Amino acid sequence: MNRIKLHIAAALMAISLIPASAMALTATGQVNITATTVQPTAAVTVAGALAFGTVQDTLTAVAQTSFDVTVTNGWPYSIALDGGANYNAATAQSLMKDGGGLNAREYVLYQDAARLNVWGPAGTNMAGLSGTGAIQTYQLYGSLLAAPGTTGAVSDITTITVTY
């Protein structure tokens, strides 16, 4: 019987000399890695013309419209308005002209109803905006300045640019 105890003791000693890492067990699992890459998108929709209507040449008029911007959720963007097709960079004036270019009336576009923040090259643009994936509406206010001596219909086209 002592011999059996001696063999058990020797076996236990031999096991204790085996490094613990040699006896370690492992289990593994796998993780699927996926992504869907999309191109960010933006769209601009204008509610309607900025229409001043019929205005006497000696009077100033105001008008309002809005435009919607939709940009991919979480995507940064900015909005800029140019000075219009008849913009005079030398004088920083946006002008509406008649078909022959003889009659012109200056107008100014604003971001706010108080007409304090001018849009475009003569003012500022909006930066640091973030898309929501849903429509975001922006107001566009305008002032048509008096222009004594002008007659007839005048018009211009301003471009809204969303950079994203």
C-alpha atoms as a PDB file:
ATOM      1  CA  MET A   1       0.000   0.000   0.000  1.00  0.00           C
ATOM      2  CA  ASN A   2       2.904   2.323   0.671  1.00  0.00           C
ATOM      3  CA  ARG A   3       3.993   1.747  -2.859  1.00  0.00           C
ATOM      4  CA  ILE A   4       0.653   3.008  -4.193  1.00  0.00           C
ATOM      5  CA  LYS A   5       0.905   6.104  -2.031  1.00  0.00           C
ATOM      6  CA  LEU A   6       4.446   6.619  -3.290  1.00  0.00           C
ATOM      7  CA  HIS A   7       3.259   6.408  -6.953  1.00  0.00           C
ATOM      8  CA  ILE A   8       0.380   8.819  -6.306  1.00  0.00           C
ATOM      9  CA  ALA A   9       2.728  11.267  -4.618  1.00  0.00           C
ATOM     10  CA  ALA A  10       5.179  11.007  -7.538  1.00  0.00           C
ATOM     11  CA  ALA A  11       2.378  11.540 -10.076  1.00  0.00           C
ATOM     12  CA  LEU A  12       1.115  14.598  -8.195  1.00  0.00           C
ATOM     13  CA  MET A  13       4.633  16.002  -8.094  1.00  0.00           C
ATOM     14  CA  ALA A  14       5.050  15.450 -11.823  1.00  0.00           C
ATOM     15  CA  ILE A  15       1.758  17.219 -12.586  1.00  0.00           C
ATOM     16  CA  SER A  16       2.766  20.177 -10.442  1.00  0.00           C
ATOM     17  CA  LEU A  17       5.898  20.619 -12.568  1.00  0.00           C
ATOM     18  CA  ILE A  18       3.836  21.062 -15.823  1.00  0.00           C
ATOM     19  CA  PRO A  19       3.430  24.787 -16.622  1.00  0.00           C
ATOM     20  CA  ALA A  20      -0.109  26.106 -16.159  1.00  0.00           C
ATOM     21  CA  SER A  21      -0.189  27.319 -19.783  1.00  0.00           C
ATOM     22  CA  ALA A  22       0.236  23.785 -21.012  1.00  0.00           C
ATOM     23  CA  MET A  23      -2.967  22.843 -19.256  1.00  0.00           C
ATOM     24  CA  ALA A  24      -4.977  25.959 -20.353  1.00  0.00           C
ATOM     25  CA  LEU A  25      -8.101  25.448 -22.419  1.00  0.00           C
ATOM     26  CA  THR A  26      -9.379  27.942 -25.022  1.00  0.00           C
ATOM     27  CA  ALA A  27     -12.620  28.789 -26.731  1.00  0.00           C
ATOM     28  CA  THR A  28     -13.015  31.002 -29.792  1.00  0.00           C
ATOM     29  CA  GLY A  29     -15.771  32.983 -31.430  1.00  0.00           C
ATOM     30  CA  GLN A  30     -16.035  35.051 -34.596  1.00  0.00           C
ATOM     31  CA  VAL A  31     -17.419  38.522 -35.131  1.00  0.00           C
ATOM     32  CA  ASN A  32     -18.850  39.504 -38.488  1.00  0.00           C
ATOM     33  CA  ILE A  33     -17.693  42.984 -39.477  1.00  0.00           C
ATOM     34  CA  THR A  34     -20.064  44.823 -41.833  1.00  0.00           C
ATOM     35  CA  ALA A  35     -20.703  48.319 -43.114  1.00  0.00           C
ATOM     36  CA  THR A  36     -22.795  49.977 -45.741  1.00  0.00           C
ATOM     37  CA  THR A  37     -21.069  52.916 -47.342  1.00  0.00           C
ATOM     38  CA  VAL A  38     -23.302  55.627 -48.735  1.00  0.00           C
ATOM     39  CA  GLN A  39     -22.556  58.797 -50.586  1.00  0.00           C
ATOM     40  CA  PRO A  40     -23.848  61.836 -48.735  1.00  0.00           C
ATOM     41  CA  THR A  41     -26.623  63.645 -50.562  1.00  0.00           C
ATOM     42  CA  ALA A  42     -28.107  67.106 -50.524  1.00  0.00           C
ATOM     43  CA  ALA A  43     -31.121  68.683 -52.170  1.00  0.00           C
ATOM     44  CA  VAL A  44     -32.422  72.255 -52.328  1.00  0.00           C
ATOM     45  CA  THR A  45     -36.082  73.042 -52.986  1.00  0.00           C
ATOM     46  CA  VAL A  46     -37.289  76.629 -53.232  1.00  0.00           C
ATOM     47  CA  ALA A  47     -40.837  77.304 -52.051  1.00  0.00           C
ATOM     48  CA  GLY A  48     -41.472  79.993 -54.648  1.00  0.00           C
ATOM     49  CA  ALA A  49     -40.202  83.182 -56.214  1.00  0.00           C
ATOM     50  CA  LEU A  50     -39.150  86.111 -54.072  1.00  0.00           C
ATOM     51  CA  ALA A  51     -41.851  88.280 -55.638  1.00  0.00           C
ATOM     52  CA  PHE A  52     -41.988  91.981 -54.821  1.00  0.00           C
ATOM     53  CA  GLY A  53     -45.065  92.534 -56.974  1.00  0.00           C
ATOM     54  CA  THR A  54     -45.839  95.909 -58.525  1.00  0.00           C
ATOM     55  CA  VAL A  55     -43.840  98.635 -56.793  1.00  0.00           C
ATOM     56  CA  GLN A  56     -43.532 102.356 -57.498  1.00  0.00           C
ATOM     57  CA  ASP A  57     -40.023 103.381 -58.517  1.00  0.00           C
ATOM     58  CA  THR A  58     -39.638 105.706 -55.521  1.00  0.00           C
ATOM     59  CA  LEU A  59     -40.597 103.103 -52.938  1.00  0.00           C
ATOM     60  CA  THR A  60     -38.757 100.283 -51.221  1.00  0.00           C
ATOM     61  CA  ALA A  61     -40.518  96.937 -51.008  1.00  0.00           C
ATOM     62  CA  VAL A  62     -39.981  93.776 -48.998  1.00  0.00           C
ATOM     63  CA  ALA A  63     -40.755  90.148 -49.802  1.00  0.00           C
ATOM     64  CA  GLN A  64     -40.195  86.713 -48.328  1.00  0.00           C
ATOM     65  CA  THR A  65     -39.905  83.122 -49.466  1.00  0.00           C
ATOM     66  CA  SER A  66     -38.202  80.014 -48.114  1.00  0.00           C
ATOM     67  CA  PHE A  67     -36.144  77.104 -49.294  1.00  0.00           C
ATOM     68  CA  ASP A  68     -35.684  73.602 -47.983  1.00  0.00           C
ATOM     69  CA  VAL A  69     -32.370  71.826 -47.645  1.00  0.00           C
ATOM     70  CA  THR A  70     -32.097  68.089 -47.080  1.00  0.00           C
ATOM     71  CA  VAL A  71     -28.632  66.705 -46.276  1.00  0.00           C
ATOM     72  CA  THR A  72     -27.610  63.222 -45.147  1.00  0.00           C
ATOM     73  CA  ASN A  73     -27.952  62.767 -41.377  1.00  0.00           C
ATOM     74  CA  GLY A  74     -24.876  63.912 -39.465  1.00  0.00           C
ATOM     75  CA  TRP A  75     -23.171  65.346 -42.536  1.00  0.00           C
ATOM     76  CA  PRO A  76     -21.800  68.898 -42.166  1.00  0.00           C
ATOM     77  CA  TYR A  77     -22.819  71.500 -44.727  1.00  0.00           C
ATOM     78  CA  SER A  78     -22.931  75.192 -45.486  1.00  0.00           C
ATOM     79  CA  ILE A  79     -25.274  77.375 -47.523  1.00  0.00           C
ATOM     80  CA  ALA A  80     -24.158  80.193 -49.803  1.00  0.00           C
ATOM     81  CA  LEU A  81     -26.143  82.506 -52.053  1.00  0.00           C
ATOM     82  CA  ASP A  82     -24.495  84.257 -54.939  1.00  0.00           C
ATOM     83  CA  GLY A  83     -25.232  87.854 -55.854  1.00  0.00           C
ATOM     84  CA  GLY A  84     -27.456  86.889 -58.753  1.00  0.00           C
ATOM     85  CA  ALA A  85     -26.910  86.832 -62.509  1.00  0.00           C
ATOM     86  CA  ASN A  86     -26.669  90.635 -62.599  1.00  0.00           C
ATOM     87  CA  TYR A  87     -24.363  91.022 -59.588  1.00  0.00           C
ATOM     88  CA  ASN A  88     -22.002  93.984 -59.827  1.00  0.00           C
ATOM     89  CA  ALA A  89     -18.861  92.949 -57.912  1.00  0.00           C
ATOM     90  CA  ALA A  90     -17.339  96.438 -58.190  1.00  0.00           C
ATOM     91  CA  THR A  91     -20.211  97.971 -56.230  1.00  0.00           C
ATOM     92  CA  ALA A  92     -21.302  94.803 -54.366  1.00  0.00           C
ATOM     93  CA  GLN A  93     -24.844  95.247 -55.673  1.00  0.00           C
ATOM     94  CA  SER A  94     -27.391  92.658 -56.680  1.00  0.00           C
ATOM     95  CA  LEU A  95     -29.511  94.032 -59.501  1.00  0.00           C
ATOM     96  CA  MET A  96     -32.750  93.085 -61.172  1.00  0.00           C
ATOM     97  CA  LYS A  97     -32.770  94.228 -64.799  1.00  0.00           C
ATOM     98  CA  ASP A  98     -35.252  94.396 -67.637  1.00  0.00           C
ATOM     99  CA  GLY A  99     -34.790  92.352 -70.814  1.00  0.00           C
ATOM    100  CA  GLY A 100     -32.741  95.064 -72.536  1.00  0.00           C
ATOM    101  CA  GLY A 101     -30.654  95.815 -69.437  1.00  0.00           C
ATOM    102  CA  LEU A 102     -31.718  99.493 -69.474  1.00  0.00           C
ATOM    103  CA  ASN A 103     -33.692  99.542 -66.249  1.00  0.00           C
ATOM    104  CA  ALA A 104     -32.266  98.108 -63.059  1.00  0.00           C
ATOM    105  CA  ARG A 105     -33.272  98.007 -59.416  1.00  0.00           C
ATOM    106  CA  GLU A 106     -31.016  96.977 -56.579  1.00  0.00           C
ATOM    107  CA  TYR A 107     -32.156  94.330 -54.140  1.00  0.00           C
ATOM    108  CA  VAL A 108     -30.651  92.826 -50.999  1.00  0.00           C
ATOM    109  CA  LEU A 109     -31.238  89.313 -49.653  1.00  0.00           C
ATOM    110  CA  TYR A 110     -31.367  88.661 -45.906  1.00  0.00           C
ATOM    111  CA  GLN A 111     -31.335  85.650 -43.596  1.00  0.00           C
ATOM    112  CA  ASP A 112     -33.624  87.214 -41.000  1.00  0.00           C
ATOM    113  CA  ALA A 113     -36.917  89.111 -40.860  1.00  0.00           C
ATOM    114  CA  ALA A 114     -35.212  92.085 -39.166  1.00  0.00           C
ATOM    115  CA  ARG A 115     -33.025  92.328 -42.279  1.00  0.00           C
ATOM    116  CA  LEU A 116     -29.778  92.501 -40.343  1.00  0.00           C
ATOM    117  CA  ASN A 117     -27.896  89.504 -41.769  1.00  0.00           C
ATOM    118  CA  VAL A 118     -27.238  89.824 -45.490  1.00  0.00           C
ATOM    119  CA  TRP A 119     -26.878  86.686 -47.619  1.00  0.00           C
ATOM    120  CA  GLY A 120     -24.318  86.327 -50.331  1.00  0.00           C
ATOM    121  CA  PRO A 121     -21.127  87.990 -51.486  1.00  0.00           C
ATOM    122  CA  ALA A 122     -22.097  91.349 -49.981  1.00  0.00           C
ATOM    123  CA  GLY A 123     -22.825  89.674 -46.647  1.00  0.00           C
ATOM    124  CA  THR A 124     -22.324  86.289 -45.048  1.00  0.00           C
ATOM    125  CA  ASN A 125     -23.387  82.735 -45.649  1.00  0.00           C
ATOM    126  CA  MET A 126     -24.358  79.967 -43.241  1.00  0.00           C
ATOM    127  CA  ALA A 127     -21.647  77.525 -42.165  1.00  0.00           C
ATOM    128  CA  GLY A 128     -21.275  74.844 -39.518  1.00  0.00           C
ATOM    129  CA  LEU A 129     -24.670  73.287 -40.229  1.00  0.00           C
ATOM    130  CA  SER A 130     -25.407  69.595 -39.783  1.00  0.00           C
ATOM    131  CA  GLY A 131     -27.718  67.451 -41.870  1.00  0.00           C
ATOM    132  CA  THR A 132     -30.555  65.564 -40.235  1.00  0.00           C
ATOM    133  CA  GLY A 133     -31.691  63.500 -43.199  1.00  0.00           C
ATOM    134  CA  ALA A 134     -34.956  65.461 -43.032  1.00  0.00           C
ATOM    135  CA  ILE A 135     -36.028  68.764 -44.561  1.00  0.00           C
ATOM    136  CA  GLN A 136     -34.550  71.839 -42.899  1.00  0.00           C
ATOM    137  CA  THR A 137     -36.282  75.080 -43.896  1.00  0.00           C
ATOM    138  CA  TYR A 138     -34.512  78.419 -44.264  1.00  0.00           C
ATOM    139  CA  GLN A 139     -36.168  81.775 -44.764  1.00  0.00           C
ATOM    140  CA  LEU A 140     -35.152  84.195 -47.475  1.00  0.00           C
ATOM    141  CA  TYR A 141     -36.091  87.834 -47.049  1.00  0.00           C
ATOM    142  CA  GLY A 142     -35.548  90.543 -49.616  1.00  0.00           C
ATOM    143  CA  SER A 143     -35.636  94.310 -49.911  1.00  0.00           C
ATOM    144  CA  LEU A 144     -36.133  96.012 -53.249  1.00  0.00           C
ATOM    145  CA  LEU A 145     -34.588  99.467 -53.093  1.00  0.00           C
ATOM    146  CA  ALA A 146     -36.162 102.573 -54.566  1.00  0.00           C
ATOM    147  CA  ALA A 147     -34.908 103.473 -58.049  1.00  0.00           C
ATOM    148  CA  PRO A 148     -36.515 106.706 -59.263  1.00  0.00           C
ATOM    149  CA  GLY A 149     -36.966 106.813 -63.021  1.00  0.00           C
ATOM    150  CA  THR A 150     -37.075 103.053 -63.633  1.00  0.00           C
ATOM    151  CA  THR A 151     -40.097 101.474 -65.246  1.00  0.00           C
ATOM    152  CA  GLY A 152     -41.099  98.051 -66.420  1.00  0.00           C
ATOM    153  CA  ALA A 153     -40.561  94.529 -65.245  1.00  0.00           C
ATOM    154  CA  VAL A 154     -37.156  93.589 -63.867  1.00  0.00           C
ATOM    155  CA  SER A 155     -35.833  90.224 -62.696  1.00  0.00           C
ATOM    156  CA  ASP A 156     -32.764  88.281 -61.631  1.00  0.00           C
ATOM    157  CA  ILE A 157     -31.841  84.738 -60.665  1.00  0.00           C
ATOM    158  CA  THR A 158     -29.847  83.931 -57.531  1.00  0.00           C
ATOM    159  CA  THR A 159     -28.237  80.531 -57.005  1.00  0.00           C
ATOM    160  CA  ILE A 160     -28.345  78.752 -53.656  1.00  0.00           C
ATOM    161  CA  THR A 161     -25.323  76.490 -53.186  1.00  0.00           C
ATOM    162  CA  VAL A 162     -25.162  73.811 -50.508  1.00  0.00           C
ATOM    163  CA  THR A 163     -21.646  72.535 -49.909  1.00  0.00           C
ATOM    164  CA  TYR A 164     -21.473  69.219 -48.069  1.00  0.00           C
END
